[in-house]
Amino acid sequence: MYHVIADAPAGAAFPELFVRPSDFAGQMSWLAAHGFHAVTLHRVYEYWLRGTPLPARPIVLTFDDGTLGQDTHALPVLRRLHWPGVLNLKVNALKSKYTMPPWRVREMLGAGWELDAHTITHPDLTHVGSAQLWHEVDGSRVELQQLFHVPVAFFCYPSGRYDQRVVAAVRRAGYLGATTTNYGLGRPADIYTLGRIRINGSDGIAGFARKLQDLSR
């Protein structure tokens, strides 16, 4: 789970969300050197559901919100490896040239990335009314599908916040599954509350490797 691929500016409110581009490139090189292969979440779903083959050591690389460095820094690194990423896009990120304008999203889709929904305005869905909940969950999917003409099959809970009511809305909207900020491996039994491994700005390459090695034991 990544957020911002960029150097953290002085005074950044959440500096740990910023992963330096050089660290990101090194982390991807570490994965490749250790036999990992990035795939989309939908490919993992197809494996869980139907046994559709996956490459050795499959891993899903998710990028939340839709920040500029995900296109300018992450995309070139993954393109060299012939790997896709998963863009969990907040619809409002499309409104600024400093985040993820539509042409950048299309560039990522053209490189094989998967597009998933991350609401429209990124609220805490456990504290919104029923009408807003449905607008954020279903409306974000509708907007993304209409704009980019690709399936939007999975949902990402903003800040990992969910409860039974939120999960029920995600299921009713027709999503195949959803990702959280719960730390750990994604498992088919938790298809609507999939865990992920958060990568922080302070991890570097050594901390990144340690997280993956600890979870694979």
Foldseek 3Di string as FASTA:
>chain_A
DAEAADQDDPPDPAQFNYADLVLLLLQVVVCVVVQEAEDDPVVVVCCVVPVDDDGPNYDAAEYEAFADCCQVRVVVSCLVVLHAHEYAYAQCLCVDPRGHPPVSVLVRVVSPYHYAYAFHPLDQLVPDDPVRLLCRQLVRQVVVCVSRVDHHAEYEYRQQHDDPVSLVSNVVSRHQEYEGCAAAAADPVRRNYGYDHDRTRPCGNVNSVVSVVVRVD
